Amino acid sequence: MFTKSAVRMVATAALFGSIVLAGPLAFAGPATTEPAVGVAKADPVEARIKELHNRLHITAAQQSQWDKIVQVMRDNAKAMEDLQKQRGQDVSAMSAVDAVKSYQAVIEAHEAGMAKFVPAFQALYDSMSPAQKKTADAMFRTKVRTAAAKKGA
């Protein structure tokens, strides 16, 4: 049985992962805002990248900071995809301890991903106009509210 702090850690990891990674993950190649050629189904990470780029109105002057964020998002997605595949292969042989360690690995992957995302996002955010910051603030607050509402349901 999980303690309250373990449940909070998992919920926090899921919240921040949903902000940055946007659900089930697939790696899609080089740092552009266009989906990879040959991707048959919609990639949630690519959709999130495109949504953020469009809604934040990234300027040409901000493109280098944006490209860094995109690469971090894709790298984080690849890391989570690899972890999910590994967990899926091991699930039938997992003991209870293995399952808890598996949750720990997910939390650690989210933490490592956020440690890479935050500085890249901070650099972009610092370069944003007041209107862009207002949009970003609203978008990320909405994600937090949505996650909190789901937790309370």
C-alpha atoms as a PDB file:
ATOM      1  CA  MET A   1       0.000   0.000   0.000  1.00  0.00           C
ATOM      2  CA  PHE A   2       1.304   3.451  -0.906  1.00  0.00           C
ATOM      3  CA  THR A   3       1.822   6.106   1.714  1.00  0.00           C
ATOM      4  CA  LYS A   4       0.259   9.523   1.190  1.00  0.00           C
ATOM      5  CA  SER A   5       3.644  10.984   0.233  1.00  0.00           C
ATOM      6  CA  ALA A   6       4.208   8.262  -2.381  1.00  0.00           C
ATOM      7  CA  VAL A   7       0.778   8.931  -3.862  1.00  0.00           C
ATOM      8  CA  ARG A   8       1.552  12.666  -3.946  1.00  0.00           C
ATOM      9  CA  MET A   9       4.864  11.982  -5.704  1.00  0.00           C
ATOM     10  CA  VAL A  10       3.155   9.874  -8.363  1.00  0.00           C
ATOM     11  CA  ALA A  11       0.411  12.481  -8.826  1.00  0.00           C
ATOM     12  CA  THR A  12       2.977  15.273  -9.105  1.00  0.00           C
ATOM     13  CA  ALA A  13       5.001  13.320 -11.632  1.00  0.00           C
ATOM     14  CA  ALA A  14       1.864  12.641 -13.658  1.00  0.00           C
ATOM     15  CA  LEU A  15       0.833  16.304 -13.549  1.00  0.00           C
ATOM     16  CA  PHE A  16       4.167  17.648 -14.733  1.00  0.00           C
ATOM     17  CA  GLY A  17       4.528  14.866 -17.245  1.00  0.00           C
ATOM     18  CA  SER A  18       1.166  15.763 -18.749  1.00  0.00           C
ATOM     19  CA  ILE A  19       2.250  19.383 -19.075  1.00  0.00           C
ATOM     20  CA  VAL A  20       5.489  18.582 -20.840  1.00  0.00           C
ATOM     21  CA  LEU A  21       4.920  15.226 -22.444  1.00  0.00           C
ATOM     22  CA  ALA A  22       1.207  15.314 -23.271  1.00  0.00           C
ATOM     23  CA  GLY A  23       0.273  11.653 -22.817  1.00  0.00           C
ATOM     24  CA  PRO A  24       1.386   8.459 -24.558  1.00  0.00           C
ATOM     25  CA  LEU A  25       4.659   9.185 -26.219  1.00  0.00           C
ATOM     26  CA  ALA A  26       6.351   8.603 -29.526  1.00  0.00           C
ATOM     27  CA  PHE A  27       9.649   9.953 -30.788  1.00  0.00           C
ATOM     28  CA  ALA A  28       9.437  11.882 -34.015  1.00  0.00           C
ATOM     29  CA  GLY A  29      12.897  12.914 -35.154  1.00  0.00           C
ATOM     30  CA  PRO A  30      14.716  16.245 -35.579  1.00  0.00           C
ATOM     31  CA  ALA A  31      13.815  19.522 -33.888  1.00  0.00           C
ATOM     32  CA  THR A  32      11.188  21.082 -36.121  1.00  0.00           C
ATOM     33  CA  THR A  33       7.580  21.925 -35.478  1.00  0.00           C
ATOM     34  CA  GLU A  34       6.441  19.680 -38.336  1.00  0.00           C
ATOM     35  CA  PRO A  35       5.476  16.030 -37.713  1.00  0.00           C
ATOM     36  CA  ALA A  36       7.884  13.380 -38.900  1.00  0.00           C
ATOM     37  CA  VAL A  37       7.354  12.020 -42.391  1.00  0.00           C
ATOM     38  CA  GLY A  38       5.661   8.636 -42.377  1.00  0.00           C
ATOM     39  CA  VAL A  39       4.043   8.953 -38.941  1.00  0.00           C
ATOM     40  CA  ALA A  40       0.737   7.189 -39.502  1.00  0.00           C
ATOM     41  CA  LYS A  41      -1.169   8.343 -36.424  1.00  0.00           C
ATOM     42  CA  ALA A  42      -1.240  11.612 -34.540  1.00  0.00           C
ATOM     43  CA  ASP A  43       1.694  11.969 -32.188  1.00  0.00           C
ATOM     44  CA  PRO A  44       0.606  13.708 -28.975  1.00  0.00           C
ATOM     45  CA  VAL A  45       4.059  15.203 -28.388  1.00  0.00           C
ATOM     46  CA  GLU A  46       4.170  16.677 -31.883  1.00  0.00           C
ATOM     47  CA  ALA A  47       0.618  17.944 -31.439  1.00  0.00           C
ATOM     48  CA  ARG A  48       1.599  19.612 -28.152  1.00  0.00           C
ATOM     49  CA  ILE A  49       4.700  21.159 -29.759  1.00  0.00           C
ATOM     50  CA  LYS A  50       2.615  22.570 -32.597  1.00  0.00           C
ATOM     51  CA  GLU A  51      -0.081  23.825 -30.218  1.00  0.00           C
ATOM     52  CA  LEU A  52       2.466  25.595 -28.014  1.00  0.00           C
ATOM     53  CA  HIS A  53       4.262  27.129 -31.000  1.00  0.00           C
ATOM     54  CA  ASN A  54       1.020  28.437 -32.485  1.00  0.00           C
ATOM     55  CA  ARG A  55      -0.563  29.701 -29.281  1.00  0.00           C
ATOM     56  CA  LEU A  56       2.612  31.322 -27.975  1.00  0.00           C
ATOM     57  CA  HIS A  57       3.290  33.036 -31.308  1.00  0.00           C
ATOM     58  CA  ILE A  58       6.989  32.165 -31.252  1.00  0.00           C
ATOM     59  CA  THR A  59       8.948  34.826 -33.125  1.00  0.00           C
ATOM     60  CA  ALA A  60      11.979  34.396 -35.374  1.00  0.00           C
ATOM     61  CA  ALA A  61      14.116  35.921 -32.599  1.00  0.00           C
ATOM     62  CA  GLN A  62      12.857  33.241 -30.177  1.00  0.00           C
ATOM     63  CA  GLN A  63      13.359  30.314 -32.555  1.00  0.00           C
ATOM     64  CA  SER A  64      16.700  29.144 -31.110  1.00  0.00           C
ATOM     65  CA  GLN A  65      15.224  28.979 -27.587  1.00  0.00           C
ATOM     66  CA  TRP A  66      12.142  27.267 -29.006  1.00  0.00           C
ATOM     67  CA  ASP A  67      14.262  24.663 -30.806  1.00  0.00           C
ATOM     68  CA  LYS A  68      15.935  23.783 -27.495  1.00  0.00           C
ATOM     69  CA  ILE A  69      12.560  23.255 -25.833  1.00  0.00           C
ATOM     70  CA  VAL A  70      11.368  21.104 -28.727  1.00  0.00           C
ATOM     71  CA  GLN A  71      14.471  18.923 -28.477  1.00  0.00           C
ATOM     72  CA  VAL A  72      14.009  18.520 -24.719  1.00  0.00           C
ATOM     73  CA  MET A  73      10.353  17.573 -25.202  1.00  0.00           C
ATOM     74  CA  ARG A  74      11.243  14.980 -27.832  1.00  0.00           C
ATOM     75  CA  ASP A  75      14.144  13.596 -25.796  1.00  0.00           C
ATOM     76  CA  ASN A  76      11.893  13.326 -22.736  1.00  0.00           C
ATOM     77  CA  ALA A  77       9.224  11.605 -24.808  1.00  0.00           C
ATOM     78  CA  LYS A  78      11.771   9.103 -26.141  1.00  0.00           C
ATOM     79  CA  ALA A  79      13.024   8.363 -22.631  1.00  0.00           C
ATOM     80  CA  MET A  80       9.474   7.766 -21.380  1.00  0.00           C
ATOM     81  CA  GLU A  81       8.604   5.630 -24.397  1.00  0.00           C
ATOM     82  CA  ASP A  82      11.656   3.455 -23.781  1.00  0.00           C
ATOM     83  CA  LEU A  83      10.767   3.147 -20.090  1.00  0.00           C
ATOM     84  CA  GLN A  84       7.165   2.239 -20.901  1.00  0.00           C
ATOM     85  CA  LYS A  85       8.305  -0.447 -23.346  1.00  0.00           C
ATOM     86  CA  GLN A  86      10.651  -1.911 -20.741  1.00  0.00           C
ATOM     87  CA  ARG A  87       7.928  -1.909 -18.108  1.00  0.00           C
ATOM     88  CA  GLY A  88       5.526  -3.589 -20.548  1.00  0.00           C
ATOM     89  CA  GLN A  89       8.002  -6.370 -21.270  1.00  0.00           C
ATOM     90  CA  ASP A  90       8.632  -7.009 -17.576  1.00  0.00           C
ATOM     91  CA  VAL A  91       5.075  -6.740 -16.234  1.00  0.00           C
ATOM     92  CA  SER A  92       4.188 -10.456 -16.173  1.00  0.00           C
ATOM     93  CA  ALA A  93       7.277 -11.337 -14.139  1.00  0.00           C
ATOM     94  CA  MET A  94       7.085  -8.359 -11.740  1.00  0.00           C
ATOM     95  CA  SER A  95       6.911  -8.921  -8.030  1.00  0.00           C
ATOM     96  CA  ALA A  96       5.276  -6.286  -5.837  1.00  0.00           C
ATOM     97  CA  VAL A  97       8.721  -4.830  -5.126  1.00  0.00           C
ATOM     98  CA  ASP A  98       9.493  -4.733  -8.854  1.00  0.00           C
ATOM     99  CA  ALA A  99       6.225  -2.882  -9.477  1.00  0.00           C
ATOM    100  CA  VAL A 100       7.060  -0.263  -6.839  1.00  0.00           C
ATOM    101  CA  LYS A 101      10.552   0.114  -8.312  1.00  0.00           C
ATOM    102  CA  SER A 102       8.926   0.539 -11.707  1.00  0.00           C
ATOM    103  CA  TYR A 103       6.835   3.431 -10.364  1.00  0.00           C
ATOM    104  CA  GLN A 104      10.013   4.892  -8.889  1.00  0.00           C
ATOM    105  CA  ALA A 105      11.701   4.731 -12.310  1.00  0.00           C
ATOM    106  CA  VAL A 106       8.779   6.625 -13.865  1.00  0.00           C
ATOM    107  CA  ILE A 107       8.939   9.312 -11.186  1.00  0.00           C
ATOM    108  CA  GLU A 108      12.701   9.631 -11.644  1.00  0.00           C
ATOM    109  CA  ALA A 109      12.303   9.896 -15.425  1.00  0.00           C
ATOM    110  CA  HIS A 110       9.718  12.657 -14.992  1.00  0.00           C
ATOM    111  CA  GLU A 111      11.998  14.444 -12.545  1.00  0.00           C
ATOM    112  CA  ALA A 112      14.981  14.205 -14.916  1.00  0.00           C
ATOM    113  CA  GLY A 113      12.814  15.408 -17.803  1.00  0.00           C
ATOM    114  CA  MET A 114      11.562  18.400 -15.853  1.00  0.00           C
ATOM    115  CA  ALA A 115      15.118  19.247 -14.775  1.00  0.00           C
ATOM    116  CA  LYS A 116      15.948  19.594 -18.479  1.00  0.00           C
ATOM    117  CA  PHE A 117      12.706  21.322 -19.462  1.00  0.00           C
ATOM    118  CA  VAL A 118      12.556  24.061 -16.837  1.00  0.00           C
ATOM    119  CA  PRO A 119      15.796  25.901 -17.766  1.00  0.00           C
ATOM    120  CA  ALA A 120      14.990  25.703 -21.488  1.00  0.00           C
ATOM    121  CA  PHE A 121      11.478  26.989 -20.873  1.00  0.00           C
ATOM    122  CA  GLN A 122      12.742  29.712 -18.511  1.00  0.00           C
ATOM    123  CA  ALA A 123      15.075  31.035 -21.232  1.00  0.00           C
ATOM    124  CA  LEU A 124      12.184  31.218 -23.697  1.00  0.00           C
ATOM    125  CA  TYR A 125       9.788  32.692 -21.144  1.00  0.00           C
ATOM    126  CA  ASP A 126      12.295  35.415 -20.251  1.00  0.00           C
ATOM    127  CA  SER A 127      12.393  36.446 -23.929  1.00  0.00           C
ATOM    128  CA  MET A 128       8.610  36.593 -24.307  1.00  0.00           C
ATOM    129  CA  SER A 129       6.545  39.731 -24.707  1.00  0.00           C
ATOM    130  CA  PRO A 130       3.992  40.494 -21.980  1.00  0.00           C
ATOM    131  CA  ALA A 131       1.231  39.149 -24.246  1.00  0.00           C
ATOM    132  CA  GLN A 132       3.120  35.894 -24.834  1.00  0.00           C
ATOM    133  CA  LYS A 133       3.751  35.511 -21.096  1.00  0.00           C
ATOM    134  CA  LYS A 134       0.065  36.069 -20.374  1.00  0.00           C
ATOM    135  CA  THR A 135      -0.828  33.316 -22.861  1.00  0.00           C
ATOM    136  CA  ALA A 136       1.794  30.942 -21.453  1.00  0.00           C
ATOM    137  CA  ASP A 137       0.669  31.613 -17.887  1.00  0.00           C
ATOM    138  CA  ALA A 138      -2.948  30.890 -18.785  1.00  0.00           C
ATOM    139  CA  MET A 139      -2.080  27.719 -20.715  1.00  0.00           C
ATOM    140  CA  PHE A 140      -0.007  26.207 -17.932  1.00  0.00           C
ATOM    141  CA  ARG A 141      -2.429  27.267 -15.196  1.00  0.00           C
ATOM    142  CA  THR A 142      -5.210  25.519 -17.130  1.00  0.00           C
ATOM    143  CA  LYS A 143      -3.150  22.307 -17.221  1.00  0.00           C
ATOM    144  CA  VAL A 144      -2.620  22.496 -13.448  1.00  0.00           C
ATOM    145  CA  ARG A 145      -6.329  23.171 -12.809  1.00  0.00           C
ATOM    146  CA  THR A 146      -7.399  20.312 -15.080  1.00  0.00           C
ATOM    147  CA  ALA A 147      -5.038  17.885 -13.365  1.00  0.00           C
ATOM    148  CA  ALA A 148      -6.185  19.052  -9.921  1.00  0.00           C
ATOM    149  CA  ALA A 149      -9.846  18.640 -10.910  1.00  0.00           C
ATOM    150  CA  LYS A 150      -9.190  15.092 -12.123  1.00  0.00           C
ATOM    151  CA  LYS A 151      -7.451  14.266  -8.867  1.00  0.00           C
ATOM    152  CA  GLY A 152     -10.413  15.571  -6.873  1.00  0.00           C
ATOM    153  CA  ALA A 153     -12.976  13.666  -8.943  1.00  0.00           C
END
